[in-house]
Amino acid sequence: MWELKTFIPSSENTMAEDCCTRKIRPHQYKQWHNRFKELVQFRLDHGHCLVPHDYPPNNSLARWAKRQRYLYSLMKKGKESSITMERIQMLNNIGFVWDSHDAAWHEKFEQAQLFKEKYGHCFIPINYQANPQLATWAKCQRRQRKLFIEGKPANISPERITALDKIGFEWTSRLSQARELYRTENISIFVPQGENSSDYEMMKDVLSILK
């Protein structure tokens, strides 16, 4: 079972050692560990460490997480960086994602899950005004999967395709479906029944544009 204290170093000598050997000021040490505690709490609350870039409940934590990735990338390139192996190990222990692109993908994936919880499906429209970035991401996933199926270079993995399939992600946009229905003149069969349904209204609007 996850507990906050499990991931926080208990030895007070650690701070003194860091401050002496790495010339880290005591308040900087405490600030880093306070943010780490907040990240652990985020992990306990959400089940992962993917703090969104825009996280109003704690924007300081979001900026801190972004900076850890930056410092880690500097270290990997052999450049000067203030991140230590101890901190890297602490972050690894709680499942911190170092790849910024991977983190961004999982952030949008979580938003897609929230979309499904709200609407009951994962048919993210290409003109989703409530979250244009999610709409763009969904469009990109569809395009990359198409390339993958065709055997062309694609920026999507089988694991990501499987993850999207599991949440019922729709690989064809509604606009594409509507165009095909209009072309075959079988519109009435496919328009959702019930004028009060959101699907009915959306398809009606799209079809009126195509006409």
Protein backbone atom coordinates (compact mmCIF):
# COMPACT_ATOMS: atom_id res chain seq x y z
CA MET A 1 0.00 0.00 0.00
CA TRP A 2 1.28 3.45 -0.93
CA GLU A 3 2.16 5.72 1.97
CA LEU A 4 3.67 9.18 1.80
CA LYS A 5 6.40 8.45 4.36
CA THR A 6 7.63 5.43 2.34
CA PHE A 7 9.22 7.68 -0.28
CA ILE A 8 10.66 10.43 1.90
CA PRO A 9 14.26 9.95 3.16
CA SER A 10 14.16 9.66 6.94
CA SER A 11 17.79 10.52 7.67
CA GLU A 12 18.47 14.11 8.61
CA ASN A 13 22.11 13.56 7.66
CA THR A 14 21.06 13.45 4.01
CA MET A 15 20.30 17.15 3.93
CA ALA A 16 23.57 18.09 5.62
CA GLU A 17 25.50 15.85 3.25
CA ASP A 18 23.81 17.30 0.16
CA CYS A 19 24.32 20.87 1.30
CA CYS A 20 28.02 20.32 1.96
CA THR A 21 29.02 18.20 -1.02
CA ARG A 22 26.85 19.80 -3.68
CA LYS A 23 26.73 23.36 -2.39
CA ILE A 24 22.94 23.22 -2.14
CA ARG A 25 21.43 25.76 0.22
CA PRO A 26 19.26 24.33 3.00
CA HIS A 27 16.14 26.18 1.80
CA GLN A 28 16.65 24.81 -1.75
CA TYR A 29 16.93 21.29 -0.36
CA LYS A 30 13.74 21.72 1.66
CA GLN A 31 11.93 23.28 -1.30
CA TRP A 32 12.79 20.30 -3.54
CA HIS A 33 11.65 17.78 -0.96
CA ASN A 34 8.43 19.69 -0.30
CA ARG A 35 7.63 19.51 -4.02
CA PHE A 36 8.53 15.84 -4.01
CA LYS A 37 6.07 15.26 -1.16
CA GLU A 38 3.40 17.05 -3.20
CA LEU A 39 4.20 14.80 -6.17
CA VAL A 40 3.89 11.69 -4.01
CA GLN A 41 0.52 12.96 -2.78
CA PHE A 42 -0.50 13.56 -6.41
CA ARG A 43 0.50 9.95 -7.13
CA LEU A 44 -1.61 8.73 -4.23
CA ASP A 45 -4.61 10.77 -5.41
CA HIS A 46 -4.41 10.06 -9.15
CA GLY A 47 -2.53 6.79 -9.47
CA HIS A 48 0.25 8.30 -11.61
CA CYS A 49 2.87 11.08 -11.64
CA LEU A 50 1.79 12.79 -14.85
CA VAL A 51 1.14 16.29 -13.53
CA PRO A 52 -0.51 18.28 -16.36
CA HIS A 53 1.42 21.25 -17.74
CA ASP A 54 -1.61 23.36 -16.83
CA TYR A 55 -2.60 22.27 -13.33
CA PRO A 56 -4.49 25.08 -11.53
CA PRO A 57 -4.65 23.24 -8.17
CA ASN A 58 -0.85 23.42 -7.99
CA ASN A 59 0.88 25.19 -10.87
CA SER A 60 4.13 25.27 -8.87
CA LEU A 61 4.18 21.47 -8.86
CA ALA A 62 3.56 21.39 -12.62
CA ARG A 63 6.50 23.74 -13.25
CA TRP A 64 8.69 21.74 -10.87
CA ALA A 65 7.94 18.46 -12.64
CA LYS A 66 8.75 20.07 -15.99
CA ARG A 67 12.05 21.35 -14.60
CA GLN A 68 13.06 17.90 -13.33
CA ARG A 69 12.71 16.57 -16.89
CA TYR A 70 14.79 19.48 -18.19
CA LEU A 71 17.55 18.93 -15.60
CA TYR A 72 17.53 15.21 -16.34
CA SER A 73 17.91 15.86 -20.09
CA LEU A 74 20.90 18.11 -19.37
CA MET A 75 22.53 15.38 -17.32
CA LYS A 76 21.92 12.80 -20.06
CA LYS A 77 23.68 15.10 -22.52
CA GLY A 78 26.68 15.39 -20.21
CA LYS A 79 25.95 19.00 -19.37
CA GLU A 80 25.96 20.65 -15.94
CA SER A 81 22.81 19.86 -13.99
CA SER A 82 21.73 20.22 -10.37
CA ILE A 83 19.80 16.95 -10.36
CA THR A 84 21.40 14.13 -8.38
CA MET A 85 21.32 10.35 -8.71
CA GLU A 86 19.54 10.19 -5.37
CA ARG A 87 16.76 12.44 -6.65
CA ILE A 88 16.53 10.50 -9.90
CA GLN A 89 16.12 7.28 -7.92
CA MET A 90 13.49 8.84 -5.67
CA LEU A 91 11.51 9.95 -8.71
CA ASN A 92 11.94 6.58 -10.42
CA ASN A 93 10.58 4.87 -7.32
CA ILE A 94 7.23 6.60 -7.71
CA GLY A 95 6.98 6.11 -11.48
CA PHE A 96 7.99 9.57 -12.68
CA VAL A 97 7.93 9.88 -16.50
CA TRP A 98 11.11 11.50 -17.80
CA ASP A 99 10.22 11.70 -21.50
CA SER A 100 8.30 14.96 -22.02
CA HIS A 101 6.65 13.66 -25.21
CA ASP A 102 5.50 10.52 -23.43
CA ALA A 103 4.21 12.62 -20.55
CA ALA A 104 2.30 14.88 -22.95
CA TRP A 105 0.72 11.85 -24.65
CA HIS A 106 -0.43 10.36 -21.37
CA GLU A 107 -1.82 13.73 -20.30
CA LYS A 108 -4.04 13.82 -23.39
CA PHE A 109 -4.93 10.15 -22.90
CA GLU A 110 -6.21 10.97 -19.43
CA GLN A 111 -8.26 13.81 -20.90
CA ALA A 112 -9.74 11.35 -23.41
CA GLN A 113 -10.75 9.12 -20.49
CA LEU A 114 -12.44 12.09 -18.80
CA PHE A 115 -14.21 12.88 -22.09
CA LYS A 116 -15.62 9.34 -22.12
CA GLU A 117 -16.72 9.59 -18.49
CA LYS A 118 -18.57 12.81 -19.29
CA TYR A 119 -20.21 11.86 -22.58
CA GLY A 120 -20.39 8.07 -22.39
CA HIS A 121 -18.28 7.54 -25.51
CA CYS A 122 -14.83 8.35 -26.87
CA PHE A 123 -15.90 9.90 -30.17
CA ILE A 124 -13.87 13.12 -29.85
CA PRO A 125 -15.01 15.46 -32.64
CA ILE A 126 -12.47 17.34 -34.73
CA ASN A 127 -14.11 20.64 -33.75
CA TYR A 128 -14.38 20.02 -30.00
CA GLN A 129 -14.41 23.65 -28.84
CA ALA A 130 -14.25 22.81 -25.13
CA ASN A 131 -10.74 21.39 -25.65
CA PRO A 132 -9.24 22.11 -29.10
CA GLN A 133 -5.89 20.60 -28.06
CA LEU A 134 -7.58 17.28 -27.28
CA ALA A 135 -9.36 17.38 -30.64
CA THR A 136 -6.04 17.95 -32.42
CA TRP A 137 -4.46 15.11 -30.45
CA ALA A 138 -7.32 12.74 -31.32
CA LYS A 139 -7.00 13.66 -35.00
CA CYS A 140 -3.26 12.97 -34.80
CA GLN A 141 -3.83 9.52 -33.22
CA ARG A 142 -6.20 8.60 -36.06
CA ARG A 143 -3.71 9.71 -38.68
CA GLN A 144 -0.78 7.92 -37.02
CA ARG A 145 -2.74 4.66 -36.68
CA LYS A 146 -3.67 4.82 -40.35
CA LEU A 147 0.02 5.17 -41.25
CA PHE A 148 0.87 2.31 -38.88
CA ILE A 149 -1.69 0.00 -40.50
CA GLU A 150 -0.37 0.91 -43.96
CA GLY A 151 3.12 -0.08 -42.85
CA LYS A 152 4.44 3.46 -43.08
CA PRO A 153 6.56 5.30 -40.47
CA ALA A 154 4.22 6.31 -37.66
CA ASN A 155 4.57 7.98 -34.29
CA ILE A 156 2.31 5.53 -32.48
CA SER A 157 3.05 2.18 -30.89
CA PRO A 158 0.94 -0.99 -30.69
CA GLU A 159 0.77 -0.42 -26.92
CA ARG A 160 -0.79 3.01 -27.40
CA ILE A 161 -3.25 1.67 -29.96
CA THR A 162 -4.27 -1.04 -27.49
CA ALA A 163 -4.64 1.52 -24.69
CA LEU A 164 -6.92 3.65 -26.88
CA ASP A 165 -8.93 0.61 -27.97
CA LYS A 166 -9.54 -0.27 -24.32
CA ILE A 167 -11.27 3.05 -23.65
CA GLY A 168 -13.33 2.76 -26.83
CA PHE A 169 -11.49 5.43 -28.82
CA GLU A 170 -13.16 5.98 -32.19
CA TRP A 171 -10.63 5.83 -35.00
CA THR A 172 -12.92 7.43 -37.59
CA SER A 173 -14.05 11.03 -37.17
CA ARG A 174 -17.76 11.80 -37.25
CA LEU A 175 -17.24 14.19 -40.12
CA SER A 176 -15.68 11.38 -42.19
CA GLN A 177 -18.57 9.10 -41.31
CA ALA A 178 -21.11 11.79 -42.19
CA ARG A 179 -19.48 12.40 -45.58
CA GLU A 180 -19.61 8.69 -46.36
CA LEU A 181 -23.23 8.42 -45.27
CA TYR A 182 -24.19 11.41 -47.37
CA ARG A 183 -22.30 10.04 -50.39
CA THR A 184 -24.11 6.71 -50.20
CA GLU A 185 -27.48 8.43 -49.53
CA ASN A 186 -28.17 6.20 -46.55
CA ILE A 187 -28.24 9.03 -44.07
CA SER A 188 -31.56 8.29 -42.40
CA ILE A 189 -30.46 4.80 -41.39
CA PHE A 190 -27.45 6.03 -39.47
CA VAL A 191 -28.73 9.18 -37.79
CA PRO A 192 -29.24 8.34 -34.08
CA GLN A 193 -32.87 8.08 -33.07
CA GLY A 194 -34.37 10.57 -30.66
CA GLU A 195 -34.20 14.28 -31.36
CA ASN A 196 -33.03 14.95 -27.83
CA SER A 197 -29.83 12.95 -28.17
CA SER A 198 -26.53 14.78 -28.55
CA ASP A 199 -25.54 12.35 -31.32
CA TYR A 200 -28.67 13.24 -33.28
CA GLU A 201 -28.02 16.97 -33.03
CA MET A 202 -24.35 16.64 -33.95
CA MET A 203 -25.03 14.47 -37.00
CA LYS A 204 -27.90 16.74 -38.08
CA ASP A 205 -25.63 19.79 -37.96
CA VAL A 206 -22.86 18.06 -39.89
CA LEU A 207 -25.21 16.77 -42.54
CA SER A 208 -26.80 20.19 -43.01
CA ILE A 209 -23.32 21.60 -43.74
CA LEU A 210 -22.54 18.83 -46.24
CA LYS A 211 -25.77 19.48 -48.14
